[in-house]
Amino acid sequence: MRDSRRSRFVVMGMLLAGGCTRSHPPEEPPERERVIVDGGGERASNRDDSDLAGCATWVAPVDTTQLSVGANHVCALGVDGRVRCWGSGEGGQLGDGSRTSSRGWVDVSGLSDARRVSAGGGFTCAVRSDGSVACWGGLGAGPRPGSGAGVAASTTPEPVPGLHDAVDVASGAALACALDARGRARCWGAGAGGVQARLDGLSRLVQIDAGYQHACGLDRDGAVHCWGGNDAGQLGDGSRERALAPVRVPLDRPAVAIATGDAHTCALMNDGTLSCWGSNRYGQLGDGTTVDRLTPASVAGLTDVTSVHAGRHTCAVTRGQTLCWGENRYGELYDGTRVPRARPHATPIAGRMDVHAVTTCSERAADTIECCGRVTPVER
């Protein structure tokens, strides 16, 4: 569910493959967010009405080169090669050797040469300078000798066996995937039965991304292939039948980037337009309705799109402006309200960004990160 850019910026991920029947997380009553002000941060919300969703800002120790939003935590890669995370830490996903949550940045232990980082559902992974991949948190680094189908967990980074030429990594709900220099993907985690496996049937991939229980890949020819859960039509093949093998999405022109949300998918086309399909429960397809679409449909009025991001909402950058639409129960649309929007709506977001299901984070400056949406209460 990460940033997908028109320049074919490689984004990785994978589906929660074990049992592809869709199950939405329970709808909880909206709760009043707290603005976090410690941990090197500053008060960021300029909204006086406490009933409106607030945003919070953190100042990182150094400039950041990448931002990644997970289910309940956020990580940033610094220009110094170090990864710093904040948020929920009960699964060890902050990587500081503890299971304690944090309101402020904590350094990931023993990691000073990271090139990419991806925060997932209670775990985090990073690509190191030598092409290896290290993970920490609830998913851990993958299967170990004698562990059978189990998956090891760690509160500090541990190497994923067998990965030596990775160029990117992405984290899904309970599965992670790495993309190697030859365009092949390898995945591991509970969704893969606790074993590391190569994604068969696809090659020459330039991007892969994952939603809640589905995933899609983009190949060098601009074709999009999706597989996994399909109860809302997120595979784009005109059905609601799950597919364990990739199915090709019927697009009318080549795509240059993809983004998978909770149960919907969007493709950035080579003419700068955007097509989306799947769940429209929150208006995230941007067509003015809440009716699911089983095949791709263009988002009306969007041209010159350069990047797309998806959670339970969708954001697209066009002509230097960021537009968002869809779910907004926690203020993740950056508009100061909790009103969902079924059509693209202008936001003040101007920098690098990333989204998860109900959280949107962006860079206000090279070392300053602002997040709007549901910020999980933390301990320290």
Protein backbone atom coordinates (compact mmCIF):
# COMPACT_ATOMS: atom_id res chain seq x y z
CA MET A 1 0.00 0.00 0.00
CA ARG A 2 2.95 2.17 -0.55
CA ASP A 3 3.85 5.05 -2.81
CA SER A 4 3.59 4.10 -6.49
CA ARG A 5 5.30 6.50 -8.86
CA ARG A 6 5.06 7.02 -12.60
CA SER A 7 8.84 6.67 -12.89
CA ARG A 8 8.40 2.97 -12.09
CA PHE A 9 9.80 3.40 -8.62
CA VAL A 10 9.97 -0.21 -7.42
CA VAL A 11 7.52 -0.89 -4.63
CA MET A 12 7.22 -4.29 -3.03
CA GLY A 13 4.60 -6.26 -1.11
CA MET A 14 2.54 -9.40 -1.07
CA LEU A 15 -0.86 -10.68 -0.07
CA LEU A 16 -1.95 -12.44 3.04
CA ALA A 17 -2.30 -15.64 1.06
CA GLY A 18 -3.61 -17.97 3.71
CA GLY A 19 -7.35 -18.10 3.07
CA CYS A 20 -8.36 -15.43 0.64
CA THR A 21 -11.80 -14.75 2.05
CA ARG A 22 -12.15 -11.07 2.76
CA SER A 23 -12.66 -10.01 6.34
CA HIS A 24 -12.78 -6.33 7.13
CA PRO A 25 -11.31 -5.27 10.46
CA PRO A 26 -14.15 -4.46 12.86
CA GLU A 27 -15.55 -0.99 12.58
CA GLU A 28 -14.74 0.82 15.80
CA PRO A 29 -16.43 4.02 16.93
CA PRO A 30 -14.29 7.04 16.13
CA GLU A 31 -12.10 7.98 19.06
CA ARG A 32 -10.58 11.34 19.89
CA GLU A 33 -6.97 11.42 18.71
CA ARG A 34 -4.21 12.89 20.83
CA VAL A 35 -1.63 15.17 19.26
CA ILE A 36 1.81 13.83 20.09
CA VAL A 37 4.24 16.52 21.07
CA ASP A 38 7.23 14.80 22.62
CA GLY A 39 9.93 12.55 21.19
CA GLY A 40 11.57 15.44 19.35
CA GLY A 41 8.25 16.52 17.90
CA GLU A 42 6.23 19.69 17.86
CA ARG A 43 2.54 20.40 18.09
CA ALA A 44 1.23 20.32 14.53
CA SER A 45 -2.55 20.47 14.57
CA ASN A 46 -4.00 23.87 13.82
CA ARG A 47 -7.56 22.64 14.25
CA ASP A 48 -9.20 24.01 17.38
CA ASP A 49 -12.29 21.81 17.28
CA SER A 50 -11.41 18.68 19.29
CA ASP A 51 -14.10 16.77 17.46
CA LEU A 52 -12.12 17.10 14.25
CA ALA A 53 -9.24 14.75 13.56
CA GLY A 54 -5.85 16.11 14.52
CA CYS A 55 -2.46 15.69 12.92
CA ALA A 56 0.91 15.35 14.57
CA THR A 57 4.43 16.25 13.51
CA TRP A 58 7.76 14.64 14.31
CA VAL A 59 11.20 16.10 13.65
CA ALA A 60 13.69 13.36 12.76
CA PRO A 61 17.32 13.56 13.92
CA VAL A 62 18.49 13.71 10.28
CA ASP A 63 16.96 14.29 6.87
CA THR A 64 14.93 11.36 5.59
CA THR A 65 15.03 9.67 2.18
CA GLN A 66 12.02 7.37 2.56
CA LEU A 67 8.88 7.18 4.68
CA SER A 68 6.91 3.96 5.30
CA VAL A 69 3.61 3.66 7.18
CA GLY A 70 2.61 0.35 8.77
CA ALA A 71 -0.54 -0.82 10.49
CA ASN A 72 0.29 0.86 13.80
CA HIS A 73 3.77 2.28 13.35
CA VAL A 74 5.79 4.54 11.07
CA CYS A 75 9.42 4.20 9.99
CA ALA A 76 11.75 6.62 8.23
CA LEU A 77 15.04 5.95 6.46
CA GLY A 78 17.61 8.64 7.09
CA VAL A 79 20.37 9.92 4.83
CA ASP A 80 22.77 8.23 7.26
CA GLY A 81 21.42 4.77 6.39
CA ARG A 82 19.73 4.35 9.76
CA VAL A 83 16.06 3.51 10.25
CA ARG A 84 14.01 5.17 12.96
CA CYS A 85 10.49 4.14 13.95
CA TRP A 86 7.71 5.23 16.29
CA GLY A 87 4.28 3.97 17.31
CA SER A 88 3.05 0.62 18.54
CA GLY A 89 5.84 -1.74 19.53
CA GLU A 90 4.21 -4.74 21.19
CA GLY A 91 5.24 -6.99 18.30
CA GLY A 92 8.82 -5.74 18.29
CA GLN A 93 8.18 -3.79 15.07
CA LEU A 94 10.13 -0.74 16.22
CA GLY A 95 13.33 -2.80 16.19
CA ASP A 96 14.94 -1.33 19.30
CA GLY A 97 15.12 -4.62 21.19
CA SER A 98 11.93 -4.07 23.18
CA ARG A 99 8.22 -4.61 22.86
CA THR A 100 7.44 -1.15 24.17
CA SER A 101 5.54 1.41 22.16
CA SER A 102 6.98 4.87 21.67
CA ARG A 103 5.61 8.34 20.99
CA GLY A 104 8.97 9.50 19.64
CA TRP A 105 11.54 8.14 17.23
CA VAL A 106 13.65 5.18 18.33
CA ASP A 107 16.67 3.89 16.43
CA VAL A 108 16.47 0.40 14.97
CA SER A 109 19.28 -1.53 16.62
CA GLY A 110 22.34 -2.51 14.61
CA LEU A 111 21.15 -1.12 11.28
CA SER A 112 23.28 1.60 9.71
CA ASP A 113 23.38 0.67 6.01
CA ALA A 114 19.71 0.46 4.99
CA ARG A 115 18.73 1.31 1.43
CA ARG A 116 14.95 0.66 1.62
CA VAL A 117 12.47 0.17 4.47
CA SER A 118 8.92 -1.19 4.57
CA ALA A 119 6.62 -1.14 7.59
CA GLY A 120 3.90 -3.83 7.62
CA GLY A 121 1.33 -5.35 9.90
CA GLY A 122 3.27 -5.54 13.14
CA PHE A 123 6.70 -6.00 11.55
CA THR A 124 9.25 -4.10 9.47
CA CYS A 125 11.83 -5.09 6.83
CA ALA A 126 14.76 -3.29 5.23
CA VAL A 127 17.15 -3.85 2.33
CA ARG A 128 20.79 -3.44 3.30
CA SER A 129 23.63 -2.10 1.16
CA ASP A 130 24.87 -5.61 0.33
CA GLY A 131 21.50 -6.67 -1.09
CA SER A 132 20.49 -8.70 1.95
CA VAL A 133 17.16 -8.19 3.72
CA ALA A 134 16.67 -7.87 7.47
CA CYS A 135 13.31 -7.98 9.27
CA TRP A 136 12.07 -7.49 12.80
CA GLY A 137 8.77 -7.66 14.67
CA GLY A 138 5.89 -10.14 14.63
CA LEU A 139 6.75 -11.65 11.25
CA GLY A 140 10.45 -11.79 11.90
CA ALA A 141 13.07 -12.83 9.42
CA GLY A 142 11.40 -15.95 8.10
CA PRO A 143 11.80 -19.68 8.70
CA ARG A 144 14.78 -21.08 10.55
CA PRO A 145 16.30 -24.53 10.51
CA GLY A 146 14.18 -26.85 12.61
CA SER A 147 11.31 -24.40 12.85
CA GLY A 148 9.06 -26.32 10.48
CA ALA A 149 6.32 -24.10 9.15
CA GLY A 150 6.75 -21.59 11.95
CA VAL A 151 8.07 -18.07 11.48
CA ALA A 152 10.62 -16.62 13.84
CA ALA A 153 10.03 -13.24 15.45
CA SER A 154 12.63 -10.80 16.69
CA THR A 155 12.72 -7.37 18.34
CA THR A 156 15.90 -6.48 16.43
CA PRO A 157 16.84 -6.93 12.75
CA GLU A 158 17.70 -10.44 11.62
CA PRO A 159 18.67 -11.53 8.11
CA VAL A 160 16.25 -13.32 5.81
CA PRO A 161 18.01 -16.50 4.63
CA GLY A 162 18.87 -16.82 0.96
CA LEU A 163 18.46 -13.18 -0.09
CA HIS A 164 21.60 -11.57 -1.48
CA ASP A 165 20.62 -9.33 -4.41
CA ALA A 166 17.46 -7.56 -3.28
CA VAL A 167 16.72 -4.09 -4.58
CA ASP A 168 13.51 -3.51 -2.63
CA VAL A 169 11.28 -5.05 0.00
CA ALA A 170 7.67 -4.55 0.99
CA SER A 171 5.58 -5.76 3.89
CA GLY A 172 1.97 -6.88 3.83
CA ALA A 173 -0.26 -8.02 6.66
CA ALA A 174 1.57 -11.25 7.54
CA LEU A 175 3.85 -11.71 4.56
CA ALA A 176 6.83 -9.92 3.07
CA CYS A 177 8.37 -10.00 -0.39
CA ALA A 178 11.70 -8.91 -1.82
CA LEU A 179 12.39 -8.00 -5.41
CA ASP A 180 15.78 -8.97 -6.80
CA ALA A 181 17.88 -7.29 -9.46
CA ARG A 182 16.55 -9.67 -12.13
CA GLY A 183 12.90 -8.76 -11.55
CA ARG A 184 11.97 -11.86 -9.55
CA ALA A 185 10.04 -11.84 -6.29
CA ARG A 186 10.55 -14.03 -3.23
CA CYS A 187 8.04 -14.08 -0.39
CA TRP A 188 7.97 -15.47 3.14
CA GLY A 189 5.81 -15.41 6.27
CA ALA A 190 2.69 -17.01 7.67
CA GLY A 191 0.85 -16.49 4.42
CA ALA A 192 3.51 -18.56 2.64
CA GLY A 193 3.26 -21.45 5.10
CA GLY A 194 6.42 -20.37 6.90
CA VAL A 195 8.66 -21.09 3.91
CA GLN A 196 10.41 -18.79 1.49
CA ALA A 197 9.03 -19.14 -2.03
CA ARG A 198 9.56 -17.55 -5.41
CA LEU A 199 6.49 -16.08 -7.07
CA ASP A 200 5.93 -18.39 -10.04
CA GLY A 201 4.34 -17.40 -13.32
CA LEU A 202 5.64 -13.84 -13.35
CA SER A 203 9.00 -12.45 -14.36
CA ARG A 204 10.55 -9.19 -15.45
CA LEU A 205 8.65 -7.40 -12.69
CA VAL A 206 9.34 -3.76 -12.03
CA GLN A 207 6.86 -3.31 -9.19
CA ILE A 208 4.73 -5.39 -6.84
CA ASP A 209 2.35 -4.17 -4.15
CA ALA A 210 -0.02 -5.74 -1.64
CA GLY A 211 -3.37 -4.96 -0.11
CA TYR A 212 -5.19 -6.61 2.74
CA GLN A 213 -5.54 -10.03 1.11
CA HIS A 214 -4.56 -9.48 -2.52
CA ALA A 215 -1.49 -8.44 -4.45
CA CYS A 216 -0.64 -7.12 -7.89
CA GLY A 217 2.50 -6.94 -9.97
CA LEU A 218 3.53 -4.69 -12.84
CA ASP A 219 5.82 -6.06 -15.55
CA ARG A 220 8.15 -4.28 -17.95
CA ASP A 221 5.51 -4.23 -20.68
CA GLY A 222 3.05 -2.31 -18.52
CA ALA A 223 0.77 -5.29 -17.88
CA VAL A 224 -0.82 -5.62 -14.43
CA HIS A 225 -1.35 -9.04 -12.85
CA CYS A 226 -3.29 -9.60 -9.60
CA TRP A 227 -4.00 -12.57 -7.36
CA GLY A 228 -5.44 -13.47 -3.94
CA GLY A 229 -8.69 -12.37 -2.33
CA ASN A 230 -11.32 -10.95 -4.65
CA ASP A 231 -14.57 -10.53 -2.75
CA ALA A 232 -14.82 -6.87 -3.80
CA GLY A 233 -13.45 -7.32 -7.30
CA GLN A 234 -9.98 -6.07 -6.41
CA LEU A 235 -8.32 -8.42 -8.92
CA GLY A 236 -10.05 -6.56 -11.73
CA ASP A 237 -10.96 -9.66 -13.76
CA GLY A 238 -14.72 -9.08 -13.68
CA SER A 239 -15.43 -11.64 -10.97
CA ARG A 240 -15.43 -11.98 -7.20
CA GLU A 241 -13.62 -15.32 -7.27
CA ARG A 242 -10.28 -15.58 -5.54
CA ALA A 243 -7.31 -16.51 -7.70
CA LEU A 244 -4.22 -18.26 -6.37
CA ALA A 245 -2.43 -17.74 -9.70
CA PRO A 246 -1.99 -14.26 -11.18
CA VAL A 247 -4.73 -13.02 -13.53
CA ARG A 248 -4.10 -10.26 -16.03
CA VAL A 249 -6.12 -7.11 -15.49
CA PRO A 250 -7.88 -5.90 -18.67
CA LEU A 251 -6.47 -2.42 -19.15
CA ASP A 252 -6.81 -0.41 -22.35
CA ARG A 253 -3.24 0.87 -22.26
CA PRO A 254 0.06 0.12 -20.47
CA ALA A 255 0.42 1.02 -16.81
CA VAL A 256 3.51 2.63 -15.32
CA ALA A 257 2.71 2.19 -11.61
CA ILE A 258 0.24 0.39 -9.34
CA ALA A 259 -1.08 0.81 -5.81
CA THR A 260 -3.09 -1.74 -3.85
CA GLY A 261 -5.35 -0.57 -1.07
CA ASP A 262 -7.27 -2.45 1.59
CA ALA A 263 -9.51 -4.10 -1.03
CA HIS A 264 -9.09 -1.97 -4.13
CA THR A 265 -6.40 -1.41 -6.72
CA CYS A 266 -5.35 1.54 -8.85
CA ALA A 267 -3.10 1.71 -11.90
CA LEU A 268 -1.37 4.83 -13.17
CA MET A 269 -1.52 4.71 -16.97
CA ASN A 270 1.15 5.84 -19.41
CA ASP A 271 -0.95 8.83 -20.45
CA GLY A 272 -1.12 10.20 -16.89
CA THR A 273 -4.66 9.03 -16.15
CA LEU A 274 -5.70 6.80 -13.27
CA SER A 275 -7.86 3.66 -13.30
CA CYS A 276 -9.19 1.98 -10.15
CA TRP A 277 -11.28 -1.09 -9.34
CA GLY A 278 -12.47 -3.21 -6.43
CA SER A 279 -14.04 -2.11 -3.16
CA ASN A 280 -15.76 1.26 -3.16
CA ARG A 281 -17.12 0.98 0.36
CA TYR A 282 -15.68 4.33 1.35
CA GLY A 283 -15.75 6.01 -2.07
CA GLN A 284 -12.09 5.16 -2.65
CA LEU A 285 -12.59 4.58 -6.39
CA GLY A 286 -13.34 8.27 -6.83
CA ASP A 287 -16.40 7.87 -9.06
CA GLY A 288 -18.86 9.63 -6.77
CA THR A 289 -20.53 6.38 -5.63
CA THR A 290 -19.94 3.60 -3.11
CA VAL A 291 -20.57 0.81 -5.63
CA ASP A 292 -17.81 -1.78 -6.11
CA ARG A 293 -16.31 -2.11 -9.59
CA LEU A 294 -15.12 -5.52 -10.81
CA THR A 295 -13.12 -4.10 -13.72
CA PRO A 296 -11.00 -0.98 -14.14
CA ALA A 297 -12.64 2.41 -14.56
CA SER A 298 -10.94 5.77 -15.05
CA VAL A 299 -11.12 8.33 -12.26
CA ALA A 300 -12.89 11.23 -13.98
CA GLY A 301 -11.11 14.56 -14.17
CA LEU A 302 -7.62 13.32 -13.26
CA THR A 303 -4.82 13.98 -15.74
CA ASP A 304 -1.06 14.35 -15.49
CA VAL A 305 -0.95 12.05 -12.48
CA THR A 306 2.61 11.29 -11.34
CA SER A 307 2.05 9.03 -8.33
CA VAL A 308 -0.71 7.11 -6.57
CA HIS A 309 -1.12 5.81 -3.02
CA ALA A 310 -3.83 3.57 -1.55
CA GLY A 311 -5.18 2.43 1.82
CA ARG A 312 -8.89 2.56 2.59
CA HIS A 313 -8.56 5.83 0.75
CA THR A 314 -6.68 6.89 -2.37
CA CYS A 315 -4.32 9.79 -2.98
CA ALA A 316 -2.87 10.95 -6.28
CA VAL A 317 -0.37 13.64 -7.14
CA THR A 318 -1.17 15.67 -10.24
CA ARG A 319 0.44 18.89 -11.44
CA GLY A 320 2.16 19.28 -8.08
CA GLN A 321 -1.07 18.98 -6.10
CA THR A 322 -2.13 16.01 -3.95
CA LEU A 323 -5.76 14.94 -4.14
CA CYS A 324 -7.29 12.37 -1.78
CA TRP A 325 -10.65 10.62 -1.49
CA GLY A 326 -12.31 7.70 0.30
CA GLU A 327 -12.36 6.73 3.99
CA ASN A 328 -11.94 9.61 6.43
CA ARG A 329 -13.10 8.34 9.84
CA TYR A 330 -9.83 9.43 11.43
CA GLY A 331 -9.05 12.48 9.34
CA GLU A 332 -6.70 10.68 6.98
CA LEU A 333 -7.79 12.83 4.02
CA TYR A 334 -5.95 15.82 5.52
CA ASP A 335 -9.01 18.07 5.31
CA GLY A 336 -9.69 18.65 9.02
CA THR A 337 -12.91 16.62 9.01
CA ARG A 338 -14.07 13.04 9.37
CA VAL A 339 -16.32 13.21 6.33
CA PRO A 340 -15.60 10.60 3.62
CA ARG A 341 -15.28 11.83 0.06
CA ALA A 342 -16.22 9.89 -3.05
CA ARG A 343 -14.45 12.22 -5.45
CA PRO A 344 -10.90 13.63 -5.50
CA HIS A 345 -10.44 16.51 -3.08
CA ALA A 346 -7.49 18.88 -2.78
CA THR A 347 -5.17 18.56 0.24
CA PRO A 348 -2.26 20.62 1.56
CA ILE A 349 0.16 17.69 1.16
CA ALA A 350 3.21 18.87 -0.78
CA GLY A 351 6.05 16.44 -0.04
CA ARG A 352 6.93 12.75 -0.14
CA MET A 353 4.14 10.67 1.39
CA ASP A 354 2.92 7.19 2.26
CA VAL A 355 -0.42 5.81 3.42
CA HIS A 356 -1.82 2.81 5.23
CA ALA A 357 -5.43 1.82 5.82
CA VAL A 358 -6.49 4.84 7.92
CA THR A 359 -3.30 6.89 8.17
CA THR A 360 -1.59 9.32 5.82
CA CYS A 361 1.92 10.65 6.45
CA SER A 362 3.86 13.24 4.48
CA GLU A 363 7.07 15.21 4.68
CA ARG A 364 6.70 18.87 5.47
CA ALA A 365 10.47 19.32 5.26
CA ALA A 366 13.47 17.05 4.74
CA ASP A 367 13.51 16.16 8.43
CA THR A 368 9.88 16.81 9.40
CA ILE A 369 7.07 14.27 9.06
CA GLU A 370 3.37 14.92 9.61
CA CYS A 371 0.76 12.18 10.01
CA CYS A 372 -3.01 12.53 9.90
CA GLY A 373 -5.45 9.73 10.69
CA ARG A 374 -5.57 7.14 13.39
CA VAL A 375 -2.48 7.37 15.56
CA THR A 376 -2.40 4.37 17.89
CA PRO A 377 -2.05 5.35 21.58
CA VAL A 378 1.44 4.51 22.81
CA GLU A 379 3.22 4.11 26.11
CA ARG A 380 6.29 6.28 26.23
